[in-house]
Amino acid sequence: MEIYLIRHGDCFRSTMEYYCSEKQTMNPPLTSKGIEQAHQLAERLKGIAFDKIFSSDLDRAIQTSNILNSYVNSNITITKQFREIDMGEIFKKPWSEFPDEYSKWASHEEDIPYPNGENGADVWNRCKQEINSIIFSDYTRIAIVCHGGTIRSIACGILNIPQQRRFYFGLPPENCSISIVVHKEKDFFLHSFNDYAHITK
């Protein structure tokens, strides 16, 4: 099975205007640039057959998925399992209010959670549940449209790399980049990562 990990297009900067109290996370939509990036992505992939597209339930991922699907004519399953990492209090307060936590987090020596939020292992554990269901299906190729932090955590998870090392996968992964994971028998292979050659900057 091939799993295409796709980051959403460029979106508006996360400000309190875009904080979703229902989902308790930032939920900005795509910018006009992000919409164009999603079309460039879809143009590149339009000749590839996807059994299904899985999307994070955040607007920027759903918009990207819908544009992609308009070219590849698959079907979309929306799930919160592929959301971006929950940054907890950092959604509403600056790191300066958490100096001790920031010092530990910024060193990337441990998989430190955001204050009242998630760490990389939390993200991988929820993504792994969904991925395990996917790999036991009869799909040949699927796409997961999600987020930079999510893709980093999945990469570490499938390669059994400590989650604090996820920050060294991309700076972060580029908008509408493609990373391909291959699942064969019982193993995962990171076949490519952060391919965005199709995107016009």
Protein backbone atom coordinates (compact mmCIF):
# COMPACT_ATOMS: atom_id res chain seq x y z
CA MET A 1 0.00 0.00 0.00
CA GLU A 2 1.12 3.53 -0.78
CA ILE A 3 0.20 6.28 1.66
CA TYR A 4 0.57 9.83 0.37
CA LEU A 5 1.02 12.25 3.27
CA ILE A 6 0.03 15.68 1.99
CA ARG A 7 0.31 18.92 3.89
CA HIS A 8 -2.48 21.44 3.37
CA GLY A 9 -1.98 24.63 1.38
CA ASP A 10 -0.92 28.00 2.73
CA CYS A 11 -3.41 29.27 5.30
CA PHE A 12 -4.08 32.44 7.22
CA ARG A 13 -1.93 33.06 10.29
CA SER A 14 -3.36 31.52 13.44
CA THR A 15 -4.89 34.32 15.49
CA MET A 16 -7.77 34.30 17.95
CA GLU A 17 -10.04 35.25 15.05
CA TYR A 18 -9.59 31.68 13.82
CA TYR A 19 -9.76 29.89 17.16
CA CYS A 20 -12.53 27.28 17.06
CA SER A 21 -13.99 26.83 20.54
CA GLU A 22 -15.87 23.71 19.45
CA LYS A 23 -12.69 21.93 18.34
CA GLN A 24 -10.48 23.87 20.77
CA THR A 25 -7.85 24.54 18.16
CA MET A 26 -6.88 27.10 15.54
CA ASN A 27 -8.86 26.62 12.36
CA PRO A 28 -7.83 29.18 9.71
CA PRO A 29 -8.86 28.66 6.07
CA LEU A 30 -6.61 28.61 3.04
CA THR A 31 -5.35 31.87 1.58
CA SER A 32 -5.69 32.53 -2.15
CA LYS A 33 -2.08 31.32 -2.41
CA GLY A 34 -3.01 28.14 -0.58
CA ILE A 35 -5.91 27.52 -2.94
CA GLU A 36 -3.59 27.90 -5.91
CA GLN A 37 -1.07 25.54 -4.29
CA ALA A 38 -3.83 22.95 -3.83
CA HIS A 39 -4.70 23.20 -7.53
CA GLN A 40 -1.02 22.77 -8.46
CA LEU A 41 -0.87 19.71 -6.21
CA ALA A 42 -4.03 18.28 -7.75
CA GLU A 43 -2.81 18.93 -11.28
CA ARG A 44 0.29 16.88 -10.52
CA LEU A 45 -1.69 14.01 -9.01
CA LYS A 46 -4.65 13.93 -11.37
CA GLY A 47 -3.38 10.85 -13.19
CA ILE A 48 -2.96 8.84 -9.98
CA ALA A 49 -5.80 6.66 -8.67
CA PHE A 50 -6.54 6.96 -4.96
CA ASP A 51 -8.86 4.47 -3.31
CA LYS A 52 -9.70 7.08 -0.71
CA ILE A 53 -8.64 10.45 0.62
CA PHE A 54 -8.49 10.83 4.38
CA SER A 55 -8.56 14.39 5.69
CA SER A 56 -8.03 16.12 8.99
CA ASP A 57 -11.26 17.77 10.13
CA LEU A 58 -9.69 21.25 10.11
CA ASP A 59 -10.79 23.64 7.38
CA ARG A 60 -7.43 24.09 5.67
CA ALA A 61 -7.07 20.33 5.21
CA ILE A 62 -10.68 19.86 4.11
CA GLN A 63 -10.35 22.62 1.52
CA THR A 64 -7.14 21.07 0.18
CA SER A 65 -8.78 17.63 0.09
CA ASN A 66 -11.81 18.93 -1.79
CA ILE A 67 -9.64 20.57 -4.44
CA LEU A 68 -7.54 17.43 -4.80
CA ASN A 69 -10.66 15.28 -5.08
CA SER A 70 -12.08 17.48 -7.83
CA TYR A 71 -9.15 16.29 -9.99
CA VAL A 72 -8.76 12.65 -8.90
CA ASN A 73 -12.43 11.75 -8.37
CA SER A 74 -12.03 9.62 -5.26
CA ASN A 75 -13.99 10.00 -2.03
CA ILE A 76 -13.11 11.73 1.22
CA THR A 77 -13.28 10.55 4.82
CA ILE A 78 -12.87 13.34 7.37
CA THR A 79 -11.39 12.40 10.74
CA LYS A 80 -10.07 14.33 13.70
CA GLN A 81 -7.38 11.66 14.18
CA PHE A 82 -5.21 13.46 11.63
CA ARG A 83 -5.50 16.92 13.19
CA GLU A 84 -2.47 19.10 13.84
CA ILE A 85 -0.79 18.73 17.22
CA ASP A 86 -2.79 20.30 20.06
CA MET A 87 -0.70 23.20 21.33
CA GLY A 88 -2.91 23.67 24.40
CA GLU A 89 -2.34 26.96 26.17
CA ILE A 90 0.03 28.19 23.44
CA PHE A 91 -3.02 28.77 21.23
CA LYS A 92 -4.02 31.58 23.59
CA LYS A 93 -0.88 32.61 25.48
CA PRO A 94 2.73 33.29 24.45
CA TRP A 95 5.57 30.97 25.39
CA SER A 96 6.91 33.77 27.58
CA GLU A 97 4.26 32.81 30.15
CA PHE A 98 5.73 29.31 30.35
CA PRO A 99 9.51 29.90 30.62
CA ASP A 100 10.36 26.59 32.31
CA GLU A 101 8.30 24.53 29.88
CA TYR A 102 9.72 26.45 26.94
CA SER A 103 13.31 25.82 27.97
CA LYS A 104 12.69 22.06 28.03
CA TRP A 105 10.56 22.05 24.88
CA ALA A 106 12.98 24.15 22.80
CA SER A 107 15.96 21.90 23.55
CA HIS A 108 14.22 19.00 21.74
CA GLU A 109 15.97 16.58 24.08
CA GLU A 110 12.69 15.07 25.25
CA ASP A 111 9.22 14.73 23.77
CA ILE A 112 7.80 17.56 25.86
CA PRO A 113 4.07 18.32 25.52
CA TYR A 114 2.79 21.81 24.96
CA PRO A 115 1.29 23.26 28.17
CA ASN A 116 -2.04 21.41 28.58
CA GLY A 117 -1.58 20.09 25.05
CA GLU A 118 -0.09 17.15 23.19
CA ASN A 119 3.39 15.88 22.53
CA GLY A 120 4.58 13.99 19.48
CA ALA A 121 3.75 10.59 20.96
CA ASP A 122 0.16 11.69 21.53
CA VAL A 123 -0.15 12.67 17.87
CA TRP A 124 1.42 9.43 16.64
CA ASN A 125 -0.80 7.30 18.89
CA ARG A 126 -4.02 8.79 17.51
CA CYS A 127 -2.75 8.71 13.92
CA LYS A 128 -1.56 5.12 14.38
CA GLN A 129 -5.07 4.00 15.29
CA GLU A 130 -6.41 5.27 11.98
CA ILE A 131 -3.41 4.06 9.98
CA ASN A 132 -3.72 0.57 11.45
CA SER A 133 -7.32 0.45 10.25
CA ILE A 134 -6.24 1.64 6.81
CA ILE A 135 -3.46 -0.91 6.30
CA PHE A 136 -5.82 -3.79 7.09
CA SER A 137 -8.16 -2.64 4.35
CA ASP A 138 -7.91 -3.67 0.71
CA TYR A 139 -6.74 -0.24 -0.43
CA THR A 140 -3.78 0.01 -2.79
CA ARG A 141 -3.16 3.75 -2.55
CA ILE A 142 -4.61 6.40 -0.25
CA ALA A 143 -3.92 10.04 0.53
CA ILE A 144 -3.89 11.61 3.98
CA VAL A 145 -4.27 15.38 3.85
CA CYS A 146 -3.15 16.78 7.16
CA HIS A 147 -0.57 19.06 8.79
CA GLY A 148 3.16 19.61 9.08
CA GLY A 149 3.40 18.55 12.71
CA THR A 150 1.22 15.51 12.06
CA ILE A 151 3.37 14.41 9.14
CA ARG A 152 6.50 14.78 11.26
CA SER A 153 5.02 12.64 14.04
CA ILE A 154 3.92 9.96 11.57
CA ALA A 155 7.42 9.88 10.04
CA CYS A 156 9.00 9.35 13.45
CA GLY A 157 6.37 6.79 14.40
CA ILE A 158 6.74 4.56 11.37
CA LEU A 159 10.54 4.68 11.59
CA ASN A 160 10.55 4.18 15.37
CA ILE A 161 12.53 7.40 15.87
CA PRO A 162 12.13 9.30 19.17
CA GLN A 163 9.39 11.86 18.69
CA GLN A 164 11.55 14.78 19.80
CA ARG A 165 13.52 14.24 16.59
CA ARG A 166 10.45 15.18 14.53
CA PHE A 167 11.55 18.81 14.45
CA TYR A 168 14.37 17.81 12.11
CA PHE A 169 11.96 16.56 9.44
CA GLY A 170 11.46 19.66 7.29
CA LEU A 171 11.52 23.29 8.36
CA PRO A 172 8.59 22.39 8.56
CA PRO A 173 7.26 20.33 5.60
CA GLU A 174 6.20 22.70 2.81
CA ASN A 175 2.59 23.51 2.02
CA CYS A 176 1.08 20.96 -0.37
CA SER A 177 4.23 18.85 -0.20
CA ILE A 178 3.97 15.11 -0.75
CA SER A 179 5.63 12.47 1.41
CA ILE A 180 5.10 8.84 0.45
CA VAL A 181 5.03 5.94 2.89
CA VAL A 182 4.93 2.36 1.60
CA HIS A 183 3.52 -0.41 3.78
CA LYS A 184 4.68 -3.85 2.70
CA GLU A 185 3.90 -6.97 4.72
CA LYS A 186 4.60 -5.81 8.29
CA ASP A 187 6.96 -2.91 7.59
CA PHE A 188 6.71 0.78 6.77
CA PHE A 189 9.14 2.48 4.41
CA LEU A 190 9.53 6.26 4.07
CA HIS A 191 9.85 6.32 0.30
CA SER A 192 10.03 10.12 -0.15
CA PHE A 193 9.64 13.19 2.03
CA ASN A 194 8.61 16.83 1.54
CA ASP A 195 8.44 16.79 -2.27
CA TYR A 196 7.08 20.17 -3.36
CA ALA A 197 8.75 20.60 -6.74
CA HIS A 198 5.30 21.06 -8.28
CA ILE A 199 4.59 24.20 -6.26
CA THR A 200 5.30 27.61 -7.80
CA LYS A 201 6.48 29.85 -5.00
